[in-house]
Amino acid sequence: MKLSRLALFSALALVAAPVWADSVVTVYSADGLHDGAQSWYQTEFDAFTQATGIKVQYVEGGSGAIVERLAKERSNPQADVLVTVPPFIQRAATQNLLADFTPDAAAHIAGTNARYVPLVNNYLSFIYNAKLLKSAPASWQELLDSRFKNKLQYSTPGQAGDGTAVMLQAIQSHGSKDAGFDYLGKLQANNVGPSASTGKLTALVNKGELYVANGDLQMNLSQMARNPNVKIFWPADAQGQRSALALPYVIGLVQNGPQSENGKKLINFLLDNAAQTNVSSLSWGMPVRNDVTPTDDNYQQAKSALEGVNIWQPDWNQVAETLSADIARWHQVTDSE
């Protein structure tokens, strides 16, 4: 008879109580998976603590900001686990901020790397106020219309993962870097200004302070119940094609973290079958394991939202190599400090 995940971990916790007692694991994470009272993170963290006796210390920040924090703490690491999105996970790996670790579930997860592995599948999205706008903006060109002046905002590339994704999506949708940056320069006439957080923009769209903002599918779907005026859309390019950048949450073990063994246990826990099955029902995310297909309504709604949208992803290693130059160019064309 097979033991349940909780029973198995509880048994191990009893045997190893002197080692694990009062121990902790510290997670630095991008926002999104901790939204709401019964989020996937909180549910799984609580289950992990119950099963192992290991308490989870959670620190949240922008996708780029948490990697910068990790880099500043290099000589005295404070975190054990990092969760962020591309290309910042690649930047952390190239800066030797992540340790080699192969999770138990690696064979079931595409895109697994020696130093990081996808945790939750997700995609760039945009939101609009459906109460004030009769329909979603149909195209990137429409977003340049003067009616969106000071009513449009996207999070800052380089600081927020979703904001960086907007920059990459603009380049993809306009066919080249030159055309993409030219467009973003024009769009700046309507942009309210910088925002280090993507999640905070949803409430502004819901209240009508903004008409349009960027986001990501998992976060936006989870926020819509609390923000009833918000709906999701993807603007079309000049050929009428709507596309969405694949932007998964990615997890890695921090190099020389204070509790690395606990970090490994948490990574395995979050990637096991039970946790991956729960991610859509609790937080609207989509599992990364190829042997997990949820049946809940949230999963079906997420899949339905993506119908007719072309999913794409760049060479993230190449993106990471040119990211600093691209961010500098974005600041130049938008005249942003």
C-alpha atoms as a PDB file:
ATOM      1  CA  MET A   1       0.000   0.000   0.000  1.00  0.00           C
ATOM      2  CA  LYS A   2       1.443   3.357  -1.035  1.00  0.00           C
ATOM      3  CA  LEU A   3       1.724   6.101   1.555  1.00  0.00           C
ATOM      4  CA  SER A   4       0.237   9.506   0.724  1.00  0.00           C
ATOM      5  CA  ARG A   5       2.669  12.357   0.166  1.00  0.00           C
ATOM      6  CA  LEU A   6       1.733  13.916   3.533  1.00  0.00           C
ATOM      7  CA  ALA A   7       1.979  10.625   5.429  1.00  0.00           C
ATOM      8  CA  LEU A   8       5.344   9.826   3.879  1.00  0.00           C
ATOM      9  CA  PHE A   9       6.830  13.218   4.640  1.00  0.00           C
ATOM     10  CA  SER A  10       5.340  13.156   8.153  1.00  0.00           C
ATOM     11  CA  ALA A  11       6.970   9.807   8.827  1.00  0.00           C
ATOM     12  CA  LEU A  12      10.299  11.121   7.616  1.00  0.00           C
ATOM     13  CA  ALA A  13       9.872  14.239   9.738  1.00  0.00           C
ATOM     14  CA  LEU A  14       9.405  12.139  12.886  1.00  0.00           C
ATOM     15  CA  VAL A  15      12.510  10.091  12.175  1.00  0.00           C
ATOM     16  CA  ALA A  16      14.594  13.178  11.442  1.00  0.00           C
ATOM     17  CA  ALA A  17      13.034  15.497  14.027  1.00  0.00           C
ATOM     18  CA  PRO A  18      16.341  16.412  15.740  1.00  0.00           C
ATOM     19  CA  VAL A  19      17.745  17.598  12.380  1.00  0.00           C
ATOM     20  CA  TRP A  20      14.662  19.371  11.016  1.00  0.00           C
ATOM     21  CA  ALA A  21      13.268  20.801  14.246  1.00  0.00           C
ATOM     22  CA  ASP A  22      12.742  24.588  14.047  1.00  0.00           C
ATOM     23  CA  SER A  23      14.473  24.678  10.651  1.00  0.00           C
ATOM     24  CA  VAL A  24      13.526  27.088   7.886  1.00  0.00           C
ATOM     25  CA  VAL A  25      13.825  27.564   4.153  1.00  0.00           C
ATOM     26  CA  THR A  26      13.870  31.033   2.599  1.00  0.00           C
ATOM     27  CA  VAL A  27      12.279  31.687  -0.789  1.00  0.00           C
ATOM     28  CA  TYR A  28      12.864  34.784  -2.915  1.00  0.00           C
ATOM     29  CA  SER A  29      10.060  34.921  -5.474  1.00  0.00           C
ATOM     30  CA  ALA A  30       8.475  37.030  -8.155  1.00  0.00           C
ATOM     31  CA  ASP A  31       4.878  37.942  -7.388  1.00  0.00           C
ATOM     32  CA  GLY A  32       1.754  36.178  -8.633  1.00  0.00           C
ATOM     33  CA  LEU A  33       1.632  32.760  -7.007  1.00  0.00           C
ATOM     34  CA  HIS A  34       0.949  34.137  -3.517  1.00  0.00           C
ATOM     35  CA  ASP A  35      -2.098  36.241  -4.471  1.00  0.00           C
ATOM     36  CA  GLY A  36      -5.271  35.623  -2.469  1.00  0.00           C
ATOM     37  CA  ALA A  37      -6.067  34.026   0.889  1.00  0.00           C
ATOM     38  CA  GLN A  38      -5.817  30.433  -0.367  1.00  0.00           C
ATOM     39  CA  SER A  39      -3.070  30.774  -2.953  1.00  0.00           C
ATOM     40  CA  TRP A  40      -1.083  27.878  -4.365  1.00  0.00           C
ATOM     41  CA  TYR A  41       2.066  29.072  -2.614  1.00  0.00           C
ATOM     42  CA  GLN A  42       0.436  29.413   0.794  1.00  0.00           C
ATOM     43  CA  THR A  43      -1.373  26.093   0.491  1.00  0.00           C
ATOM     44  CA  GLU A  44       1.771  24.232  -0.551  1.00  0.00           C
ATOM     45  CA  PHE A  45       4.005  26.038   1.956  1.00  0.00           C
ATOM     46  CA  ASP A  46       1.622  25.080   4.755  1.00  0.00           C
ATOM     47  CA  ALA A  47       1.506  21.468   3.543  1.00  0.00           C
ATOM     48  CA  PHE A  48       5.305  21.402   3.304  1.00  0.00           C
ATOM     49  CA  THR A  49       5.682  22.680   6.866  1.00  0.00           C
ATOM     50  CA  GLN A  50       3.143  20.180   8.151  1.00  0.00           C
ATOM     51  CA  ALA A  51       4.898  17.342   6.363  1.00  0.00           C
ATOM     52  CA  THR A  52       8.499  18.230   7.192  1.00  0.00           C
ATOM     53  CA  GLY A  53       8.544  20.646  10.114  1.00  0.00           C
ATOM     54  CA  ILE A  54      10.416  23.123   7.916  1.00  0.00           C
ATOM     55  CA  LYS A  55       8.999  26.648   8.012  1.00  0.00           C
ATOM     56  CA  VAL A  56       8.957  28.697   4.804  1.00  0.00           C
ATOM     57  CA  GLN A  57      10.156  32.292   4.924  1.00  0.00           C
ATOM     58  CA  TYR A  58       8.777  34.080   1.874  1.00  0.00           C
ATOM     59  CA  VAL A  59      10.223  37.253   0.322  1.00  0.00           C
ATOM     60  CA  GLU A  60       8.481  38.739  -2.736  1.00  0.00           C
ATOM     61  CA  GLY A  61       9.758  41.245  -5.261  1.00  0.00           C
ATOM     62  CA  GLY A  62       9.989  42.160  -8.921  1.00  0.00           C
ATOM     63  CA  SER A  63      11.426  39.467 -11.174  1.00  0.00           C
ATOM     64  CA  GLY A  64      14.619  41.424 -11.835  1.00  0.00           C
ATOM     65  CA  ALA A  65      14.830  43.056  -8.413  1.00  0.00           C
ATOM     66  CA  ILE A  66      15.032  39.773  -6.510  1.00  0.00           C
ATOM     67  CA  VAL A  67      17.916  38.603  -8.697  1.00  0.00           C
ATOM     68  CA  GLU A  68      19.681  41.912  -8.035  1.00  0.00           C
ATOM     69  CA  ARG A  69      19.130  41.376  -4.308  1.00  0.00           C
ATOM     70  CA  LEU A  70      20.557  37.867  -4.574  1.00  0.00           C
ATOM     71  CA  ALA A  71      23.621  39.254  -6.346  1.00  0.00           C
ATOM     72  CA  LYS A  72      24.193  41.864  -3.625  1.00  0.00           C
ATOM     73  CA  GLU A  73      24.040  39.098  -1.002  1.00  0.00           C
ATOM     74  CA  ARG A  74      26.489  36.866  -2.886  1.00  0.00           C
ATOM     75  CA  SER A  75      29.093  36.925  -0.085  1.00  0.00           C
ATOM     76  CA  ASN A  76      26.454  36.154   2.543  1.00  0.00           C
ATOM     77  CA  PRO A  77      23.440  34.477   0.882  1.00  0.00           C
ATOM     78  CA  GLN A  78      20.137  34.820   2.734  1.00  0.00           C
ATOM     79  CA  ALA A  79      17.884  32.810   0.398  1.00  0.00           C
ATOM     80  CA  ASP A  80      17.769  29.098  -0.366  1.00  0.00           C
ATOM     81  CA  VAL A  81      15.350  29.053  -3.315  1.00  0.00           C
ATOM     82  CA  LEU A  82      14.803  31.525  -6.148  1.00  0.00           C
ATOM     83  CA  VAL A  83      11.628  31.732  -8.245  1.00  0.00           C
ATOM     84  CA  THR A  84      11.593  34.228 -11.090  1.00  0.00           C
ATOM     85  CA  VAL A  85      10.905  34.335 -14.822  1.00  0.00           C
ATOM     86  CA  PRO A  86      13.074  34.420 -17.960  1.00  0.00           C
ATOM     87  CA  PRO A  87      15.426  36.052 -18.746  1.00  0.00           C
ATOM     88  CA  PHE A  88      16.213  36.795 -15.100  1.00  0.00           C
ATOM     89  CA  ILE A  89      16.609  33.132 -14.161  1.00  0.00           C
ATOM     90  CA  GLN A  90      19.203  32.860 -16.945  1.00  0.00           C
ATOM     91  CA  ARG A  91      20.951  35.957 -15.590  1.00  0.00           C
ATOM     92  CA  ALA A  92      21.053  34.397 -12.116  1.00  0.00           C
ATOM     93  CA  ALA A  93      22.545  31.209 -13.557  1.00  0.00           C
ATOM     94  CA  THR A  94      25.235  32.987 -15.594  1.00  0.00           C
ATOM     95  CA  GLN A  95      26.178  35.073 -12.541  1.00  0.00           C
ATOM     96  CA  ASN A  96      26.717  31.813 -10.630  1.00  0.00           C
ATOM     97  CA  LEU A  97      23.955  32.647  -8.156  1.00  0.00           C
ATOM     98  CA  LEU A  98      22.356  29.215  -8.597  1.00  0.00           C
ATOM     99  CA  ALA A  99      23.675  25.783  -7.650  1.00  0.00           C
ATOM    100  CA  ASP A 100      23.484  22.604  -9.708  1.00  0.00           C
ATOM    101  CA  PHE A 101      20.460  20.550  -8.696  1.00  0.00           C
ATOM    102  CA  THR A 102      18.310  18.050 -10.592  1.00  0.00           C
ATOM    103  CA  PRO A 103      14.821  17.704  -9.070  1.00  0.00           C
ATOM    104  CA  ASP A 104      13.143  14.307  -8.828  1.00  0.00           C
ATOM    105  CA  ALA A 105      10.540  15.349 -11.426  1.00  0.00           C
ATOM    106  CA  ALA A 106      13.066  16.573 -14.024  1.00  0.00           C
ATOM    107  CA  ALA A 107      12.265  13.798 -16.522  1.00  0.00           C
ATOM    108  CA  HIS A 108       8.641  15.011 -16.669  1.00  0.00           C
ATOM    109  CA  ILE A 109       9.439  18.699 -17.244  1.00  0.00           C
ATOM    110  CA  ALA A 110      10.543  20.206 -20.551  1.00  0.00           C
ATOM    111  CA  GLY A 111      13.161  22.924 -20.326  1.00  0.00           C
ATOM    112  CA  THR A 112      14.918  21.544 -17.267  1.00  0.00           C
ATOM    113  CA  ASN A 113      18.426  22.944 -16.888  1.00  0.00           C
ATOM    114  CA  ALA A 114      21.284  21.929 -14.585  1.00  0.00           C
ATOM    115  CA  ARG A 115      20.580  25.021 -12.472  1.00  0.00           C
ATOM    116  CA  TYR A 116      16.861  25.708 -12.890  1.00  0.00           C
ATOM    117  CA  VAL A 117      13.587  24.118 -13.904  1.00  0.00           C
ATOM    118  CA  PRO A 118      10.163  25.487 -14.899  1.00  0.00           C
ATOM    119  CA  LEU A 119       7.743  25.584 -11.956  1.00  0.00           C
ATOM    120  CA  VAL A 120       4.450  26.913 -13.368  1.00  0.00           C
ATOM    121  CA  ASN A 121       3.572  27.634 -16.992  1.00  0.00           C
ATOM    122  CA  ASN A 122       2.359  31.156 -17.699  1.00  0.00           C
ATOM    123  CA  TYR A 123       2.003  33.662 -20.550  1.00  0.00           C
ATOM    124  CA  LEU A 124       2.202  37.396 -21.160  1.00  0.00           C
ATOM    125  CA  SER A 125      -1.222  39.047 -21.353  1.00  0.00           C
ATOM    126  CA  PHE A 126      -2.828  42.482 -21.414  1.00  0.00           C
ATOM    127  CA  ILE A 127      -5.907  43.765 -19.570  1.00  0.00           C
ATOM    128  CA  TYR A 128      -8.483  46.457 -20.228  1.00  0.00           C
ATOM    129  CA  ASN A 129     -11.434  48.024 -18.419  1.00  0.00           C
ATOM    130  CA  ALA A 130     -14.439  46.372 -20.045  1.00  0.00           C
ATOM    131  CA  LYS A 131     -16.868  48.748 -18.322  1.00  0.00           C
ATOM    132  CA  LEU A 132     -15.369  51.872 -19.884  1.00  0.00           C
ATOM    133  CA  LEU A 133     -14.267  50.399 -23.226  1.00  0.00           C
ATOM    134  CA  LYS A 134     -16.823  48.750 -25.503  1.00  0.00           C
ATOM    135  CA  SER A 135     -14.240  46.257 -26.696  1.00  0.00           C
ATOM    136  CA  ALA A 136     -10.602  45.371 -26.249  1.00  0.00           C
ATOM    137  CA  PRO A 137      -8.063  47.333 -28.285  1.00  0.00           C
ATOM    138  CA  ALA A 138      -7.796  45.262 -31.442  1.00  0.00           C
ATOM    139  CA  SER A 139      -4.185  45.944 -32.352  1.00  0.00           C
ATOM    140  CA  TRP A 140      -0.873  47.378 -31.284  1.00  0.00           C
ATOM    141  CA  GLN A 141      -1.577  50.264 -33.645  1.00  0.00           C
ATOM    142  CA  GLU A 142      -4.815  51.101 -31.824  1.00  0.00           C
ATOM    143  CA  LEU A 143      -2.923  51.504 -28.557  1.00  0.00           C
ATOM    144  CA  LEU A 144      -1.215  54.557 -30.075  1.00  0.00           C
ATOM    145  CA  ASP A 145      -4.594  56.347 -30.282  1.00  0.00           C
ATOM    146  CA  SER A 146      -4.746  59.599 -28.295  1.00  0.00           C
ATOM    147  CA  ARG A 147      -7.745  58.348 -26.278  1.00  0.00           C
ATOM    148  CA  PHE A 148      -5.260  56.189 -24.340  1.00  0.00           C
ATOM    149  CA  LYS A 149      -3.078  59.161 -23.337  1.00  0.00           C
ATOM    150  CA  ASN A 150      -2.342  58.824 -19.602  1.00  0.00           C
ATOM    151  CA  LYS A 151      -4.691  55.830 -19.531  1.00  0.00           C
ATOM    152  CA  LEU A 152      -2.130  53.187 -20.459  1.00  0.00           C
ATOM    153  CA  GLN A 153       0.700  51.784 -18.379  1.00  0.00           C
ATOM    154  CA  TYR A 154       3.042  48.825 -18.490  1.00  0.00           C
ATOM    155  CA  SER A 155       5.576  47.726 -15.916  1.00  0.00           C
ATOM    156  CA  THR A 156       9.192  48.703 -16.376  1.00  0.00           C
ATOM    157  CA  PRO A 157      11.430  46.420 -18.462  1.00  0.00           C
ATOM    158  CA  GLY A 158      14.446  45.307 -16.478  1.00  0.00           C
ATOM    159  CA  GLN A 159      12.637  45.605 -13.161  1.00  0.00           C
ATOM    160  CA  ALA A 160       9.504  43.562 -13.766  1.00  0.00           C
ATOM    161  CA  GLY A 161       9.453  40.308 -15.705  1.00  0.00           C
ATOM    162  CA  ASP A 162       6.116  41.136 -17.301  1.00  0.00           C
ATOM    163  CA  GLY A 163       7.431  44.550 -18.354  1.00  0.00           C
ATOM    164  CA  THR A 164      10.455  42.943 -19.943  1.00  0.00           C
ATOM    165  CA  ALA A 165       8.060  40.583 -21.723  1.00  0.00           C
ATOM    166  CA  VAL A 166       6.172  43.569 -23.172  1.00  0.00           C
ATOM    167  CA  MET A 167       9.412  44.819 -24.686  1.00  0.00           C
ATOM    168  CA  LEU A 168      10.156  41.393 -26.172  1.00  0.00           C
ATOM    169  CA  GLN A 169       6.588  40.993 -27.434  1.00  0.00           C
ATOM    170  CA  ALA A 170       6.679  44.412 -29.114  1.00  0.00           C
ATOM    171  CA  ILE A 171       9.863  43.398 -30.917  1.00  0.00           C
ATOM    172  CA  GLN A 172       8.321  40.072 -31.969  1.00  0.00           C
ATOM    173  CA  SER A 173       5.041  41.606 -33.120  1.00  0.00           C
ATOM    174  CA  HIS A 174       6.767  44.320 -35.168  1.00  0.00           C
ATOM    175  CA  GLY A 175       9.276  42.015 -36.807  1.00  0.00           C
ATOM    176  CA  SER A 176      12.592  43.438 -35.592  1.00  0.00           C
ATOM    177  CA  LYS A 177      14.295  45.261 -32.753  1.00  0.00           C
ATOM    178  CA  ASP A 178      14.419  48.497 -34.716  1.00  0.00           C
ATOM    179  CA  ALA A 179      10.681  48.386 -35.438  1.00  0.00           C
ATOM    180  CA  GLY A 180       9.844  47.257 -31.913  1.00  0.00           C
ATOM    181  CA  PHE A 181      11.792  50.011 -30.205  1.00  0.00           C
ATOM    182  CA  ASP A 182      10.419  52.565 -32.670  1.00  0.00           C
ATOM    183  CA  TYR A 183       6.917  51.489 -31.649  1.00  0.00           C
ATOM    184  CA  LEU A 184       7.684  51.660 -27.920  1.00  0.00           C
ATOM    185  CA  GLY A 185       9.034  55.156 -28.413  1.00  0.00           C
ATOM    186  CA  LYS A 186       5.710  56.189 -29.974  1.00  0.00           C
ATOM    187  CA  LEU A 187       3.709  54.387 -27.292  1.00  0.00           C
ATOM    188  CA  GLN A 188       5.432  56.436 -24.614  1.00  0.00           C
ATOM    189  CA  ALA A 189       3.180  59.389 -25.504  1.00  0.00           C
ATOM    190  CA  ASN A 190       0.320  57.454 -23.875  1.00  0.00           C
ATOM    191  CA  ASN A 191       2.253  55.705 -21.088  1.00  0.00           C
ATOM    192  CA  VAL A 192       1.623  57.011 -17.572  1.00  0.00           C
ATOM    193  CA  GLY A 193       5.165  56.209 -16.526  1.00  0.00           C
ATOM    194  CA  PRO A 194       7.323  53.581 -14.841  1.00  0.00           C
ATOM    195  CA  SER A 195       5.970  50.882 -12.549  1.00  0.00           C
ATOM    196  CA  ALA A 196       8.161  48.352 -10.756  1.00  0.00           C
ATOM    197  CA  SER A 197       5.141  46.129 -10.066  1.00  0.00           C
ATOM    198  CA  THR A 198       2.815  44.622 -12.654  1.00  0.00           C
ATOM    199  CA  GLY A 199       0.323  43.311 -10.103  1.00  0.00           C
ATOM    200  CA  LYS A 200      -0.539  46.793  -8.816  1.00  0.00           C
ATOM    201  CA  LEU A 201      -1.767  47.871 -12.262  1.00  0.00           C
ATOM    202  CA  THR A 202      -4.822  45.603 -12.181  1.00  0.00           C
ATOM    203  CA  ALA A 203      -6.624  47.600  -9.499  1.00  0.00           C
ATOM    204  CA  LEU A 204      -5.934  50.812 -11.441  1.00  0.00           C
ATOM    205  CA  VAL A 205      -7.525  49.316 -14.554  1.00  0.00           C
ATOM    206  CA  ASN A 206     -10.478  48.049 -12.546  1.00  0.00           C
ATOM    207  CA  LYS A 207     -11.111  51.536 -11.099  1.00  0.00           C
ATOM    208  CA  GLY A 208     -10.766  53.165 -14.515  1.00  0.00           C
ATOM    209  CA  GLU A 209      -7.673  55.179 -13.649  1.00  0.00           C
ATOM    210  CA  LEU A 210      -6.117  53.186 -16.469  1.00  0.00           C
ATOM    211  CA  TYR A 211      -7.861  51.757 -19.517  1.00  0.00           C
ATOM    212  CA  VAL A 212      -5.099  49.324 -20.452  1.00  0.00           C
ATOM    213  CA  ALA A 213      -2.147  47.664 -18.738  1.00  0.00           C
ATOM    214  CA  ASN A 214       0.058  44.624 -19.065  1.00  0.00           C
ATOM    215  CA  GLY A 215      -0.032  41.486 -16.974  1.00  0.00           C
ATOM    216  CA  ASP A 216       0.301  37.738 -17.227  1.00  0.00           C
ATOM    217  CA  LEU A 217      -2.417  35.153 -17.682  1.00  0.00           C
ATOM    218  CA  GLN A 218      -2.056  33.398 -14.327  1.00  0.00           C
ATOM    219  CA  MET A 219      -2.016  36.597 -12.303  1.00  0.00           C
ATOM    220  CA  ASN A 220      -4.770  38.322 -14.278  1.00  0.00           C
ATOM    221  CA  LEU A 221      -7.145  35.345 -14.085  1.00  0.00           C
ATOM    222  CA  SER A 222      -6.597  35.117 -10.332  1.00  0.00           C
ATOM    223  CA  GLN A 223      -7.242  38.863  -9.914  1.00  0.00           C
ATOM    224  CA  MET A 224     -10.422  39.090 -12.017  1.00  0.00           C
ATOM    225  CA  ALA A 225     -12.738  37.853  -9.257  1.00  0.00           C
ATOM    226  CA  ARG A 226     -11.654  40.826  -7.118  1.00  0.00           C
ATOM    227  CA  ASN A 227     -11.553  43.183 -10.117  1.00  0.00           C
ATOM    228  CA  PRO A 228     -14.791  42.571 -12.067  1.00  0.00           C
ATOM    229  CA  ASN A 229     -14.224  45.316 -14.654  1.00  0.00           C
ATOM    230  CA  VAL A 230     -10.997  43.726 -15.897  1.00  0.00           C
ATOM    231  CA  LYS A 231     -10.797  41.498 -18.966  1.00  0.00           C
ATOM    232  CA  ILE A 232      -7.832  39.935 -20.774  1.00  0.00           C
ATOM    233  CA  PHE A 233      -6.787  40.566 -24.378  1.00  0.00           C
ATOM    234  CA  TRP A 234      -3.859  40.268 -26.775  1.00  0.00           C
ATOM    235  CA  PRO A 235      -3.343  43.005 -29.420  1.00  0.00           C
ATOM    236  CA  ALA A 236      -2.882  41.843 -32.999  1.00  0.00           C
ATOM    237  CA  ASP A 237       0.077  42.664 -35.213  1.00  0.00           C
ATOM    238  CA  ALA A 238      -0.144  44.149 -38.731  1.00  0.00           C
ATOM    239  CA  GLN A 239      -1.049  40.694 -40.120  1.00  0.00           C
ATOM    240  CA  GLY A 240      -3.879  40.278 -37.623  1.00  0.00           C
ATOM    241  CA  GLN A 241      -2.026  37.672 -35.570  1.00  0.00           C
ATOM    242  CA  ARG A 242      -2.398  37.720 -31.797  1.00  0.00           C
ATOM    243  CA  SER A 243       0.535  36.178 -29.936  1.00  0.00           C
ATOM    244  CA  ALA A 244       1.631  35.619 -26.350  1.00  0.00           C
ATOM    245  CA  LEU A 245       5.120  35.152 -25.004  1.00  0.00           C
ATOM    246  CA  ALA A 246       5.503  32.002 -22.881  1.00  0.00           C
ATOM    247  CA  LEU A 247       6.698  33.295 -19.523  1.00  0.00           C
ATOM    248  CA  PRO A 248       6.928  30.451 -16.996  1.00  0.00           C
ATOM    249  CA  TYR A 249       7.801  30.808 -13.350  1.00  0.00           C
ATOM    250  CA  VAL A 250      11.164  29.064 -12.989  1.00  0.00           C
ATOM    251  CA  ILE A 251      12.736  27.728  -9.805  1.00  0.00           C
ATOM    252  CA  GLY A 252      16.365  27.219  -8.816  1.00  0.00           C
ATOM    253  CA  LEU A 253      18.495  26.374  -5.788  1.00  0.00           C
ATOM    254  CA  VAL A 254      20.546  29.307  -4.505  1.00  0.00           C
ATOM    255  CA  GLN A 255      24.317  28.869  -4.508  1.00  0.00           C
ATOM    256  CA  ASN A 256      25.609  28.451  -0.934  1.00  0.00           C
ATOM    257  CA  GLY A 257      22.193  29.122   0.592  1.00  0.00           C
ATOM    258  CA  PRO A 258      22.048  28.809   4.392  1.00  0.00           C
ATOM    259  CA  GLN A 259      19.634  25.855   4.232  1.00  0.00           C
ATOM    260  CA  SER A 260      20.348  24.235   0.860  1.00  0.00           C
ATOM    261  CA  GLU A 261      19.099  20.778   1.844  1.00  0.00           C
ATOM    262  CA  ASN A 262      15.786  22.293   2.910  1.00  0.00           C
ATOM    263  CA  GLY A 263      15.732  24.186  -0.375  1.00  0.00           C
ATOM    264  CA  LYS A 264      16.067  20.928  -2.307  1.00  0.00           C
ATOM    265  CA  LYS A 265      13.208  19.397  -0.328  1.00  0.00           C
ATOM    266  CA  LEU A 266      10.943  22.381  -1.066  1.00  0.00           C
ATOM    267  CA  ILE A 267      11.745  22.343  -4.788  1.00  0.00           C
ATOM    268  CA  ASN A 268      10.895  18.644  -4.991  1.00  0.00           C
ATOM    269  CA  PHE A 269       7.703  19.236  -3.022  1.00  0.00           C
ATOM    270  CA  LEU A 270       6.480  22.015  -5.347  1.00  0.00           C
ATOM    271  CA  LEU A 271       7.221  19.910  -8.415  1.00  0.00           C
ATOM    272  CA  ASP A 272       5.596  16.698  -7.243  1.00  0.00           C
ATOM    273  CA  ASN A 273       2.400  15.394  -8.810  1.00  0.00           C
ATOM    274  CA  ALA A 274       0.059  16.585  -6.065  1.00  0.00           C
ATOM    275  CA  ALA A 275       1.326  20.161  -5.995  1.00  0.00           C
ATOM    276  CA  GLN A 276       1.334  20.457  -9.782  1.00  0.00           C
ATOM    277  CA  THR A 277      -2.241  19.159  -9.958  1.00  0.00           C
ATOM    278  CA  ASN A 278      -3.338  21.919  -7.556  1.00  0.00           C
ATOM    279  CA  VAL A 279      -1.718  24.906  -9.243  1.00  0.00           C
ATOM    280  CA  SER A 280      -4.597  25.714 -11.584  1.00  0.00           C
ATOM    281  CA  SER A 281      -7.414  25.300  -9.067  1.00  0.00           C
ATOM    282  CA  LEU A 282      -5.630  27.407  -6.435  1.00  0.00           C
ATOM    283  CA  SER A 283      -3.795  30.046  -8.480  1.00  0.00           C
ATOM    284  CA  TRP A 284      -4.852  29.712 -12.141  1.00  0.00           C
ATOM    285  CA  GLY A 285      -1.369  28.549 -13.151  1.00  0.00           C
ATOM    286  CA  MET A 286      -0.739  25.708 -15.579  1.00  0.00           C
ATOM    287  CA  PRO A 287       1.355  22.694 -14.537  1.00  0.00           C
ATOM    288  CA  VAL A 288       4.764  22.072 -16.060  1.00  0.00           C
ATOM    289  CA  ARG A 289       4.750  18.293 -15.665  1.00  0.00           C
ATOM    290  CA  ASN A 290       3.855  16.356 -18.826  1.00  0.00           C
ATOM    291  CA  ASP A 291       2.122  13.697 -16.728  1.00  0.00           C
ATOM    292  CA  VAL A 292      -0.281  16.131 -15.029  1.00  0.00           C
ATOM    293  CA  THR A 293      -3.499  17.357 -16.694  1.00  0.00           C
ATOM    294  CA  PRO A 294      -5.885  19.087 -14.264  1.00  0.00           C
ATOM    295  CA  THR A 295      -9.643  18.844 -14.746  1.00  0.00           C
ATOM    296  CA  ASP A 296     -10.744  21.896 -12.754  1.00  0.00           C
ATOM    297  CA  ASP A 297     -12.654  24.844 -14.212  1.00  0.00           C
ATOM    298  CA  ASN A 298      -9.727  27.258 -13.784  1.00  0.00           C
ATOM    299  CA  TYR A 299      -7.516  25.122 -15.998  1.00  0.00           C
ATOM    300  CA  GLN A 300     -10.212  24.915 -18.656  1.00  0.00           C
ATOM    301  CA  GLN A 301     -10.747  28.694 -18.567  1.00  0.00           C
ATOM    302  CA  ALA A 302      -7.017  29.343 -18.944  1.00  0.00           C
ATOM    303  CA  LYS A 303      -6.828  27.021 -21.952  1.00  0.00           C
ATOM    304  CA  SER A 304      -9.935  28.628 -23.443  1.00  0.00           C
ATOM    305  CA  ALA A 305      -8.468  32.127 -23.044  1.00  0.00           C
ATOM    306  CA  LEU A 306      -5.471  31.113 -25.142  1.00  0.00           C
ATOM    307  CA  GLU A 307      -7.490  29.766 -28.063  1.00  0.00           C
ATOM    308  CA  GLY A 308      -6.498  31.538 -31.291  1.00  0.00           C
ATOM    309  CA  VAL A 309      -3.383  33.026 -29.666  1.00  0.00           C
ATOM    310  CA  ASN A 310       0.020  32.014 -31.017  1.00  0.00           C
ATOM    311  CA  ILE A 311       2.336  30.942 -28.197  1.00  0.00           C
ATOM    312  CA  TRP A 312       6.025  31.639 -28.780  1.00  0.00           C
ATOM    313  CA  GLN A 313       9.282  31.863 -26.878  1.00  0.00           C
ATOM    314  CA  PRO A 314      12.679  33.324 -27.767  1.00  0.00           C
ATOM    315  CA  ASP A 315      16.116  31.890 -27.179  1.00  0.00           C
ATOM    316  CA  TRP A 316      16.266  32.985 -23.554  1.00  0.00           C
ATOM    317  CA  ASN A 317      20.032  32.614 -23.327  1.00  0.00           C
ATOM    318  CA  GLN A 318      20.386  35.015 -26.242  1.00  0.00           C
ATOM    319  CA  VAL A 319      17.884  37.384 -24.635  1.00  0.00           C
ATOM    320  CA  ALA A 320      19.901  37.319 -21.409  1.00  0.00           C
ATOM    321  CA  GLU A 321      23.115  38.143 -23.308  1.00  0.00           C
ATOM    322  CA  THR A 322      21.665  41.318 -24.854  1.00  0.00           C
ATOM    323  CA  LEU A 323      19.286  42.265 -22.045  1.00  0.00           C
ATOM    324  CA  SER A 324      21.378  45.069 -20.567  1.00  0.00           C
ATOM    325  CA  ALA A 325      21.828  46.679 -23.982  1.00  0.00           C
ATOM    326  CA  ASP A 326      18.145  46.257 -24.814  1.00  0.00           C
ATOM    327  CA  ILE A 327      17.056  47.801 -21.510  1.00  0.00           C
ATOM    328  CA  ALA A 328      19.405  50.724 -22.135  1.00  0.00           C
ATOM    329  CA  ARG A 329      17.895  51.166 -25.589  1.00  0.00           C
ATOM    330  CA  TRP A 330      14.382  51.053 -24.123  1.00  0.00           C
ATOM    331  CA  HIS A 331      15.316  53.851 -21.709  1.00  0.00           C
ATOM    332  CA  GLN A 332      16.734  55.841 -24.615  1.00  0.00           C
ATOM    333  CA  VAL A 333      13.689  55.566 -26.880  1.00  0.00           C
ATOM    334  CA  THR A 334      11.236  56.229 -24.050  1.00  0.00           C
ATOM    335  CA  ASP A 335      13.378  58.904 -22.397  1.00  0.00           C
ATOM    336  CA  SER A 336      12.869  57.097 -19.072  1.00  0.00           C
ATOM    337  CA  GLU A 337      15.189  57.259 -16.106  1.00  0.00           C
END
